[in-house]
């Protein structure tokens, strides 16, 4: 009998299997969180005086000074998008100004979204892995009978996998929301600065 005690599907599955899977997922989670945290930490926020200074340079067509001002601000997706537009003007491609800014903007958004889908998926599936471990542990426990050593192993498996799943899912979900919020803030900066620059530089 396939689901009988001697030939149970669960009996062929070592009790360490699901905890090891969750442990592997936790390593991936920690790696993503550290990488994305450093990525967003390196991006400086735009200050009002910086935007005003850059806008004044663009109005006076001082593109070299504008590019220097942009470089002095630091790493920021909006800055990179605007730099692409200024470089298009400097090489005589002013007619492609909007396209260059939008293309670079999309590139920057793609970079900000890197690994976020994976982190969101992990936040969703790790509690389910914990529940799966709970179910397999309880099945193992009932199969072996109360009071036996293997029954205790099954109960331990159920409790440990539940705790591990939640321990991975909670920080993954928190940091996923944090990174999504940072991305949205940067997208607003890209849209705002790009529209201001296009209003100044595009032919009327």
C-alpha atoms as a PDB file:
ATOM      1  CA  UNK A   1       0.000   0.000   0.000  1.00  0.00           C
ATOM      2  CA  UNK A   2       1.574   3.276  -1.137  1.00  0.00           C
ATOM      3  CA  UNK A   3       0.535   5.307   1.903  1.00  0.00           C
ATOM      4  CA  UNK A   4       0.929   2.502   4.397  1.00  0.00           C
ATOM      5  CA  UNK A   5       3.393   2.734   7.259  1.00  0.00           C
ATOM      6  CA  UNK A   6       6.086   0.564   5.711  1.00  0.00           C
ATOM      7  CA  UNK A   7       5.960   2.198   2.269  1.00  0.00           C
ATOM      8  CA  UNK A   8       4.949   5.763   3.085  1.00  0.00           C
ATOM      9  CA  UNK A   9       6.152   8.489   0.747  1.00  0.00           C
ATOM     10  CA  UNK A  10       7.131  10.533   3.808  1.00  0.00           C
ATOM     11  CA  UNK A  11       9.240   7.688   5.198  1.00  0.00           C
ATOM     12  CA  UNK A  12      11.570   8.002   2.193  1.00  0.00           C
ATOM     13  CA  UNK A  13      12.013  11.729   2.849  1.00  0.00           C
ATOM     14  CA  UNK A  14      14.716  12.491   5.470  1.00  0.00           C
ATOM     15  CA  UNK A  15      13.399  14.835   8.204  1.00  0.00           C
ATOM     16  CA  UNK A  16      16.247  17.267   7.455  1.00  0.00           C
ATOM     17  CA  UNK A  17      15.158  17.804   3.845  1.00  0.00           C
ATOM     18  CA  UNK A  18      12.777  20.750   4.210  1.00  0.00           C
ATOM     19  CA  UNK A  19      14.833  22.521   6.937  1.00  0.00           C
ATOM     20  CA  UNK A  20      17.856  22.297   4.626  1.00  0.00           C
ATOM     21  CA  UNK A  21      15.820  23.769   1.761  1.00  0.00           C
ATOM     22  CA  UNK A  22      14.704  26.651   3.985  1.00  0.00           C
ATOM     23  CA  UNK A  23      18.303  27.156   5.141  1.00  0.00           C
ATOM     24  CA  UNK A  24      19.446  27.356   1.514  1.00  0.00           C
ATOM     25  CA  UNK A  25      16.673  29.866   0.761  1.00  0.00           C
ATOM     26  CA  UNK A  26      17.713  31.917   3.815  1.00  0.00           C
ATOM     27  CA  UNK A  27      21.259  32.221   2.441  1.00  0.00           C
ATOM     28  CA  UNK A  28      19.868  33.485  -0.872  1.00  0.00           C
ATOM     29  CA  UNK A  29      17.626  35.919   1.028  1.00  0.00           C
ATOM     30  CA  UNK A  30      20.494  37.327   3.074  1.00  0.00           C
ATOM     31  CA  UNK A  31      22.627  37.722  -0.046  1.00  0.00           C
ATOM     32  CA  UNK A  32      19.882  39.640  -1.875  1.00  0.00           C
ATOM     33  CA  UNK A  33      19.171  41.881   1.122  1.00  0.00           C
ATOM     34  CA  UNK A  34      22.846  42.807   1.578  1.00  0.00           C
ATOM     35  CA  UNK A  35      23.374  43.421  -2.159  1.00  0.00           C
ATOM     36  CA  UNK A  36      20.237  45.579  -2.548  1.00  0.00           C
ATOM     37  CA  UNK A  37      20.877  47.462   0.690  1.00  0.00           C
ATOM     38  CA  UNK A  38      24.382  48.431  -0.471  1.00  0.00           C
ATOM     39  CA  UNK A  39      23.017  49.306  -3.925  1.00  0.00           C
ATOM     40  CA  UNK A  40      20.417  51.740  -2.582  1.00  0.00           C
ATOM     41  CA  UNK A  41      22.741  53.054   0.117  1.00  0.00           C
ATOM     42  CA  UNK A  42      25.160  54.246  -2.569  1.00  0.00           C
ATOM     43  CA  UNK A  43      22.439  56.278  -4.267  1.00  0.00           C
ATOM     44  CA  UNK A  44      22.274  59.799  -2.931  1.00  0.00           C
ATOM     45  CA  UNK A  45      18.998  61.674  -2.746  1.00  0.00           C
ATOM     46  CA  UNK A  46      18.602  64.856  -4.761  1.00  0.00           C
ATOM     47  CA  UNK A  47      18.511  68.079  -2.776  1.00  0.00           C
ATOM     48  CA  UNK A  48      16.455  71.103  -3.752  1.00  0.00           C
ATOM     49  CA  UNK A  49      19.554  73.292  -4.151  1.00  0.00           C
ATOM     50  CA  UNK A  50      21.159  70.710  -6.454  1.00  0.00           C
ATOM     51  CA  UNK A  51      18.103  70.618  -8.702  1.00  0.00           C
ATOM     52  CA  UNK A  52      17.933  74.420  -8.764  1.00  0.00           C
ATOM     53  CA  UNK A  53      21.626  74.721  -9.666  1.00  0.00           C
ATOM     54  CA  UNK A  54      21.379  72.148 -12.448  1.00  0.00           C
ATOM     55  CA  UNK A  55      18.242  73.776 -13.829  1.00  0.00           C
ATOM     56  CA  UNK A  56      19.977  77.152 -13.984  1.00  0.00           C
ATOM     57  CA  UNK A  57      22.899  75.671 -15.915  1.00  0.00           C
ATOM     58  CA  UNK A  58      20.506  74.084 -18.395  1.00  0.00           C
ATOM     59  CA  UNK A  59      18.591  77.332 -18.881  1.00  0.00           C
ATOM     60  CA  UNK A  60      21.834  79.130 -19.709  1.00  0.00           C
ATOM     61  CA  UNK A  61      22.932  76.223 -21.970  1.00  0.00           C
ATOM     62  CA  UNK A  62      26.075  75.676 -19.888  1.00  0.00           C
ATOM     63  CA  UNK A  63      26.115  71.935 -20.508  1.00  0.00           C
ATOM     64  CA  UNK A  64      29.678  71.308 -19.347  1.00  0.00           C
ATOM     65  CA  UNK A  65      28.930  72.997 -16.033  1.00  0.00           C
ATOM     66  CA  UNK A  66      25.655  71.117 -15.784  1.00  0.00           C
ATOM     67  CA  UNK A  67      27.440  67.809 -16.316  1.00  0.00           C
ATOM     68  CA  UNK A  68      30.008  68.687 -13.640  1.00  0.00           C
ATOM     69  CA  UNK A  69      27.218  69.594 -11.259  1.00  0.00           C
ATOM     70  CA  UNK A  70      25.491  66.305 -11.987  1.00  0.00           C
ATOM     71  CA  UNK A  71      28.688  64.350 -11.332  1.00  0.00           C
ATOM     72  CA  UNK A  72      29.212  66.165  -8.029  1.00  0.00           C
ATOM     73  CA  UNK A  73      25.810  65.059  -6.723  1.00  0.00           C
ATOM     74  CA  UNK A  74      26.845  61.407  -6.681  1.00  0.00           C
ATOM     75  CA  UNK A  75      25.176  58.227  -7.870  1.00  0.00           C
ATOM     76  CA  UNK A  76      21.505  58.698  -8.545  1.00  0.00           C
ATOM     77  CA  UNK A  77      19.259  57.216 -11.282  1.00  0.00           C
ATOM     78  CA  UNK A  78      17.763  60.612 -12.147  1.00  0.00           C
ATOM     79  CA  UNK A  79      21.249  62.048 -12.580  1.00  0.00           C
ATOM     80  CA  UNK A  80      22.219  59.221 -14.938  1.00  0.00           C
ATOM     81  CA  UNK A  81      19.107  59.778 -17.047  1.00  0.00           C
ATOM     82  CA  UNK A  82      19.748  63.514 -17.320  1.00  0.00           C
ATOM     83  CA  UNK A  83      23.415  62.924 -18.159  1.00  0.00           C
ATOM     84  CA  UNK A  84      22.333  60.786 -21.107  1.00  0.00           C
ATOM     85  CA  UNK A  85      20.224  63.675 -22.388  1.00  0.00           C
ATOM     86  CA  UNK A  86      23.010  66.235 -22.019  1.00  0.00           C
ATOM     87  CA  UNK A  87      25.461  63.952 -23.802  1.00  0.00           C
ATOM     88  CA  UNK A  88      22.990  63.587 -26.672  1.00  0.00           C
ATOM     89  CA  UNK A  89      22.932  67.384 -27.054  1.00  0.00           C
ATOM     90  CA  UNK A  90      26.726  67.614 -26.857  1.00  0.00           C
ATOM     91  CA  UNK A  91      27.196  65.126 -29.698  1.00  0.00           C
ATOM     92  CA  UNK A  92      24.634  66.882 -31.891  1.00  0.00           C
ATOM     93  CA  UNK A  93      21.724  64.520 -31.265  1.00  0.00           C
ATOM     94  CA  UNK A  94      19.368  67.028 -29.652  1.00  0.00           C
ATOM     95  CA  UNK A  95      16.447  65.624 -31.642  1.00  0.00           C
ATOM     96  CA  UNK A  96      16.857  62.364 -29.714  1.00  0.00           C
ATOM     97  CA  UNK A  97      16.911  64.098 -26.333  1.00  0.00           C
ATOM     98  CA  UNK A  98      13.655  62.653 -24.965  1.00  0.00           C
ATOM     99  CA  UNK A  99      14.414  59.189 -26.275  1.00  0.00           C
ATOM    100  CA  UNK A 100      17.882  59.152 -24.700  1.00  0.00           C
ATOM    101  CA  UNK A 101      16.557  60.285 -21.328  1.00  0.00           C
ATOM    102  CA  UNK A 102      13.709  57.764 -21.373  1.00  0.00           C
ATOM    103  CA  UNK A 103      15.997  54.909 -22.437  1.00  0.00           C
ATOM    104  CA  UNK A 104      18.464  55.604 -19.649  1.00  0.00           C
ATOM    105  CA  UNK A 105      15.553  55.974 -17.226  1.00  0.00           C
ATOM    106  CA  UNK A 106      14.307  52.493 -18.143  1.00  0.00           C
ATOM    107  CA  UNK A 107      17.807  51.091 -17.691  1.00  0.00           C
ATOM    108  CA  UNK A 108      18.054  52.623 -14.225  1.00  0.00           C
ATOM    109  CA  UNK A 109      14.626  51.287 -13.233  1.00  0.00           C
ATOM    110  CA  UNK A 110      15.628  47.802 -14.395  1.00  0.00           C
ATOM    111  CA  UNK A 111      18.762  47.983 -12.243  1.00  0.00           C
ATOM    112  CA  UNK A 112      16.718  49.033  -9.219  1.00  0.00           C
ATOM    113  CA  UNK A 113      14.265  46.163  -9.729  1.00  0.00           C
ATOM    114  CA  UNK A 114      17.031  43.559  -9.896  1.00  0.00           C
ATOM    115  CA  UNK A 115      16.400  40.631  -7.488  1.00  0.00           C
ATOM    116  CA  UNK A 116      13.256  42.267  -6.034  1.00  0.00           C
ATOM    117  CA  UNK A 117      10.952  39.740  -7.695  1.00  0.00           C
ATOM    118  CA  UNK A 118      13.024  36.937  -6.206  1.00  0.00           C
ATOM    119  CA  UNK A 119      12.915  38.507  -2.747  1.00  0.00           C
ATOM    120  CA  UNK A 120       9.140  38.934  -2.960  1.00  0.00           C
ATOM    121  CA  UNK A 121       8.764  35.316  -4.062  1.00  0.00           C
ATOM    122  CA  UNK A 122      10.868  34.129  -1.131  1.00  0.00           C
ATOM    123  CA  UNK A 123       8.718  36.134   1.293  1.00  0.00           C
ATOM    124  CA  UNK A 124       5.677  34.309  -0.127  1.00  0.00           C
ATOM    125  CA  UNK A 125       6.928  30.725  -0.381  1.00  0.00           C
ATOM    126  CA  UNK A 126       8.988  30.296   2.790  1.00  0.00           C
ATOM    127  CA  UNK A 127       5.928  30.220   5.101  1.00  0.00           C
ATOM    128  CA  UNK A 128       4.485  27.614   2.719  1.00  0.00           C
ATOM    129  CA  UNK A 129       7.681  25.581   3.029  1.00  0.00           C
ATOM    130  CA  UNK A 130       7.304  25.843   6.793  1.00  0.00           C
ATOM    131  CA  UNK A 131       3.720  24.581   6.552  1.00  0.00           C
ATOM    132  CA  UNK A 132       4.887  21.756   4.287  1.00  0.00           C
ATOM    133  CA  UNK A 133       7.475  20.777   6.895  1.00  0.00           C
ATOM    134  CA  UNK A 134       4.810  20.897   9.585  1.00  0.00           C
ATOM    135  CA  UNK A 135       2.565  18.564   7.599  1.00  0.00           C
ATOM    136  CA  UNK A 136       5.315  16.073   6.768  1.00  0.00           C
ATOM    137  CA  UNK A 137       6.515  16.118  10.380  1.00  0.00           C
ATOM    138  CA  UNK A 138       3.045  15.422  11.757  1.00  0.00           C
ATOM    139  CA  UNK A 139       2.496  12.653   9.195  1.00  0.00           C
ATOM    140  CA  UNK A 140       5.803  11.089  10.221  1.00  0.00           C
ATOM    141  CA  UNK A 141       4.823  11.365  13.876  1.00  0.00           C
ATOM    142  CA  UNK A 142       1.425   9.707  13.405  1.00  0.00           C
ATOM    143  CA  UNK A 143       2.912   6.956  11.247  1.00  0.00           C
ATOM    144  CA  UNK A 144       5.484   5.965  13.849  1.00  0.00           C
ATOM    145  CA  UNK A 145       3.094   6.050  16.778  1.00  0.00           C
ATOM    146  CA  UNK A 146       3.047   8.136  19.938  1.00  0.00           C
ATOM    147  CA  UNK A 147       6.025   7.788  22.238  1.00  0.00           C
ATOM    148  CA  UNK A 148       8.475   6.404  19.697  1.00  0.00           C
ATOM    149  CA  UNK A 149      11.754   8.089  18.817  1.00  0.00           C
ATOM    150  CA  UNK A 150      10.717   8.698  15.204  1.00  0.00           C
ATOM    151  CA  UNK A 151       7.480  10.265  16.393  1.00  0.00           C
ATOM    152  CA  UNK A 152       9.495  12.771  18.405  1.00  0.00           C
ATOM    153  CA  UNK A 153      11.601  13.454  15.322  1.00  0.00           C
ATOM    154  CA  UNK A 154       8.424  14.158  13.349  1.00  0.00           C
ATOM    155  CA  UNK A 155       7.130  16.608  15.956  1.00  0.00           C
ATOM    156  CA  UNK A 156      10.515  18.331  16.074  1.00  0.00           C
ATOM    157  CA  UNK A 157      10.518  18.567  12.271  1.00  0.00           C
ATOM    158  CA  UNK A 158       7.053  20.162  12.319  1.00  0.00           C
ATOM    159  CA  UNK A 159       8.003  22.811  14.880  1.00  0.00           C
ATOM    160  CA  UNK A 160      11.440  23.617  13.468  1.00  0.00           C
ATOM    161  CA  UNK A 161      10.290  24.063   9.863  1.00  0.00           C
ATOM    162  CA  UNK A 162       7.428  26.333  10.913  1.00  0.00           C
ATOM    163  CA  UNK A 163       9.788  28.546  12.903  1.00  0.00           C
ATOM    164  CA  UNK A 164      12.416  28.564  10.148  1.00  0.00           C
ATOM    165  CA  UNK A 165       9.880  29.458   7.468  1.00  0.00           C
ATOM    166  CA  UNK A 166       8.606  32.435   9.446  1.00  0.00           C
ATOM    167  CA  UNK A 167      12.132  33.508  10.434  1.00  0.00           C
ATOM    168  CA  UNK A 168      13.067  33.797   6.762  1.00  0.00           C
ATOM    169  CA  UNK A 169       9.767  35.170   5.444  1.00  0.00           C
ATOM    170  CA  UNK A 170       9.350  38.060   7.908  1.00  0.00           C
ATOM    171  CA  UNK A 171      12.656  39.906   7.174  1.00  0.00           C
ATOM    172  CA  UNK A 172      12.321  39.078   3.462  1.00  0.00           C
ATOM    173  CA  UNK A 173       8.897  40.740   3.382  1.00  0.00           C
ATOM    174  CA  UNK A 174      10.053  43.754   5.418  1.00  0.00           C
ATOM    175  CA  UNK A 175      13.099  44.403   3.231  1.00  0.00           C
ATOM    176  CA  UNK A 176      11.120  43.755   0.035  1.00  0.00           C
ATOM    177  CA  UNK A 177       8.709  46.547   0.953  1.00  0.00           C
ATOM    178  CA  UNK A 178      11.611  48.793   1.962  1.00  0.00           C
ATOM    179  CA  UNK A 179      13.414  48.311  -1.361  1.00  0.00           C
ATOM    180  CA  UNK A 180      10.211  48.780  -3.375  1.00  0.00           C
ATOM    181  CA  UNK A 181       9.636  52.064  -1.557  1.00  0.00           C
ATOM    182  CA  UNK A 182      13.204  53.208  -2.309  1.00  0.00           C
ATOM    183  CA  UNK A 183      12.705  52.282  -5.960  1.00  0.00           C
ATOM    184  CA  UNK A 184       9.467  54.249  -6.170  1.00  0.00           C
ATOM    185  CA  UNK A 185      11.142  57.307  -4.617  1.00  0.00           C
ATOM    186  CA  UNK A 186      13.922  57.144  -7.203  1.00  0.00           C
ATOM    187  CA  UNK A 187      11.425  56.750 -10.065  1.00  0.00           C
ATOM    188  CA  UNK A 188       9.650  59.918  -8.930  1.00  0.00           C
ATOM    189  CA  UNK A 189      13.019  61.719  -8.965  1.00  0.00           C
ATOM    190  CA  UNK A 190      13.721  60.469 -12.501  1.00  0.00           C
ATOM    191  CA  UNK A 191      10.323  61.599 -13.770  1.00  0.00           C
ATOM    192  CA  UNK A 192      10.485  64.980 -12.032  1.00  0.00           C
ATOM    193  CA  UNK A 193      14.004  65.932 -13.097  1.00  0.00           C
ATOM    194  CA  UNK A 194      13.554  64.580 -16.621  1.00  0.00           C
ATOM    195  CA  UNK A 195      10.362  66.543 -17.220  1.00  0.00           C
ATOM    196  CA  UNK A 196      11.950  69.733 -15.894  1.00  0.00           C
ATOM    197  CA  UNK A 197      14.967  69.237 -18.150  1.00  0.00           C
ATOM    198  CA  UNK A 198      12.854  68.461 -21.214  1.00  0.00           C
ATOM    199  CA  UNK A 199      10.735  71.543 -20.609  1.00  0.00           C
ATOM    200  CA  UNK A 200      13.894  73.645 -20.738  1.00  0.00           C
ATOM    201  CA  UNK A 201      15.812  71.887 -23.503  1.00  0.00           C
ATOM    202  CA  UNK A 202      13.220  70.656 -26.002  1.00  0.00           C
ATOM    203  CA  UNK A 203      12.485  72.998 -28.896  1.00  0.00           C
ATOM    204  CA  UNK A 204       9.252  74.922 -28.406  1.00  0.00           C
END
